[in-house]
Protein backbone atom coordinates (compact mmCIF):
# COMPACT_ATOMS: atom_id res chain seq x y z
CA MET A 1 48.82 1.04 -17.23
CA MET A 2 46.69 4.06 -18.53
CA ARG A 3 47.79 7.43 -18.13
CA ARG A 4 45.52 10.52 -17.47
CA THR A 5 46.12 13.78 -19.03
CA LEU A 6 44.31 17.13 -19.12
CA SER A 7 42.68 18.39 -22.01
CA GLY A 8 43.37 22.02 -23.07
CA VAL A 9 39.92 22.96 -21.56
CA ALA A 10 40.45 20.82 -18.48
CA LEU A 11 43.83 22.56 -17.81
CA LEU A 12 42.48 26.21 -18.64
CA THR A 13 39.77 25.48 -16.07
CA ALA A 14 42.16 24.24 -13.41
CA LEU A 15 44.55 27.07 -13.89
CA VAL A 16 42.49 30.13 -14.76
CA LEU A 17 38.97 29.50 -13.21
CA PRO A 18 40.41 29.79 -9.45
CA THR A 19 42.07 33.01 -10.24
CA PHE A 20 39.10 34.47 -11.97
CA TRP A 21 36.74 33.22 -9.31
CA ALA A 22 38.92 35.05 -6.56
CA VAL A 23 38.84 38.16 -8.49
CA SER A 24 35.13 38.03 -9.18
CA GLN A 25 34.19 37.18 -5.77
CA ALA A 26 36.06 40.32 -4.45
CA GLU A 27 33.44 42.55 -6.63
CA TRP A 28 30.48 40.20 -6.20
CA GLN A 29 27.51 41.54 -4.19
CA PRO A 30 24.14 39.58 -3.55
CA ALA A 31 21.31 40.55 -6.08
CA ALA A 32 19.07 41.79 -3.06
CA ASP A 33 22.10 44.12 -1.92
CA LEU A 34 22.56 45.64 -5.26
CA ALA A 35 19.11 47.25 -5.16
CA ALA A 36 20.21 49.61 -2.46
CA PHE A 37 23.37 50.87 -4.43
CA GLN A 38 23.48 54.09 -5.93
CA GLU A 39 25.42 55.69 -8.85
CA VAL A 40 27.20 58.94 -8.68
CA THR A 41 29.40 60.93 -11.22
CA LEU A 42 32.23 62.82 -9.89
CA THR A 43 33.90 65.23 -12.33
CA ILE A 44 37.73 65.18 -11.42
CA GLU A 45 40.29 67.89 -12.18
CA GLY A 46 44.07 67.15 -12.12
CA MET A 47 44.19 63.99 -14.03
CA GLU A 48 47.17 63.98 -16.44
CA CYS A 49 47.79 60.44 -17.24
CA ARG A 50 46.56 56.83 -16.98
CA SER A 51 48.65 56.26 -13.79
CA CYS A 52 46.08 58.92 -12.33
CA VAL A 53 43.25 56.90 -13.30
CA LYS A 54 44.80 53.89 -11.49
CA ASP A 55 45.52 55.74 -8.22
CA ILE A 56 42.09 57.40 -8.22
CA ARG A 57 40.11 54.16 -8.92
CA LYS A 58 42.15 52.43 -6.22
CA ALA A 59 41.34 55.18 -3.61
CA LEU A 60 37.58 54.91 -4.47
CA LEU A 61 37.58 51.07 -4.15
CA ARG A 62 38.97 51.55 -0.57
CA VAL A 63 36.09 53.67 0.42
CA PRO A 64 33.71 50.97 2.42
CA GLY A 65 30.73 50.52 0.49
CA VAL A 66 31.99 51.06 -2.90
CA SER A 67 31.24 48.43 -5.40
CA SER A 68 32.63 49.71 -8.48
CA ALA A 69 34.48 52.74 -9.86
CA ASP A 70 34.82 53.43 -13.51
CA VAL A 71 37.23 56.38 -13.86
CA ARG A 72 37.32 57.92 -17.30
CA PHE A 73 40.63 59.86 -18.29
CA ARG A 74 39.27 61.63 -21.36
CA GLU A 75 35.96 62.73 -19.86
CA GLY A 76 37.49 63.87 -16.35
CA ARG A 77 34.85 61.79 -14.58
CA ALA A 78 34.39 58.73 -12.45
CA VAL A 79 31.05 56.53 -12.17
CA VAL A 80 30.95 55.26 -8.73
CA LYS A 81 28.45 52.67 -7.46
CA TYR A 82 28.20 52.67 -3.56
CA ASP A 83 25.99 51.68 -0.53
CA PRO A 84 24.67 54.93 0.63
CA GLN A 85 24.24 53.01 4.17
CA LYS A 86 28.35 52.89 4.20
CA ALA A 87 29.53 55.67 2.26
CA GLY A 88 28.30 59.00 1.17
CA GLU A 89 29.04 61.58 -1.78
CA GLU A 90 31.55 63.41 0.67
CA GLU A 91 33.61 60.36 1.28
CA LEU A 92 33.89 59.66 -2.48
CA VAL A 93 35.27 63.21 -3.14
CA ARG A 94 37.50 62.83 -0.04
CA ALA A 95 38.91 59.60 -1.60
CA VAL A 96 39.60 61.19 -4.98
CA GLU A 97 41.44 64.13 -3.29
CA SER A 98 43.45 61.79 -1.03
CA ALA A 99 44.98 60.12 -4.07
CA SER A 100 46.83 63.36 -4.71
CA ASN A 101 50.55 63.12 -4.77
CA ALA A 102 53.66 65.41 -5.15
CA MET A 103 53.13 65.50 -8.89
CA TYR A 104 49.24 65.76 -9.28
CA ARG A 105 46.75 67.28 -7.23
CA TYR A 106 43.14 66.19 -7.75
CA ARG A 107 39.82 67.94 -7.12
CA ALA A 108 36.52 66.36 -7.15
CA SER A 109 33.00 67.43 -7.20
CA VAL A 110 29.52 65.66 -7.67
CA LEU A 111 28.00 66.08 -11.05
CA ALA A 112 24.64 67.46 -10.87
CA GLN A 113 21.89 64.89 -11.85
CA GLY A 114 21.20 65.14 -15.74
CA GLY A 115 24.71 66.32 -16.20
């Protein structure tokens, strides 16, 4: 009787790929839809630690129409890609400010183009 065993690559594919696929599908957008997306840079005051980055990023990604949020602690900025048909700059600013908590109060504003 012949036993079948999974090679390292097959095992990796069987275990990791489904997880990767699920994560990547959450942020996946069809190419035609990406053309309609805009990018905005927000300046953020009040970030004191990496946990702040996590909280702000999570709040931005909860806004309908946001496809990505790159929050940069050292720069005090966030670069956000969003669908202007579903969200606007005001919603993004409010999302950052809503991430405030008892320890940290965040303030955000839209960085002028070319800034």
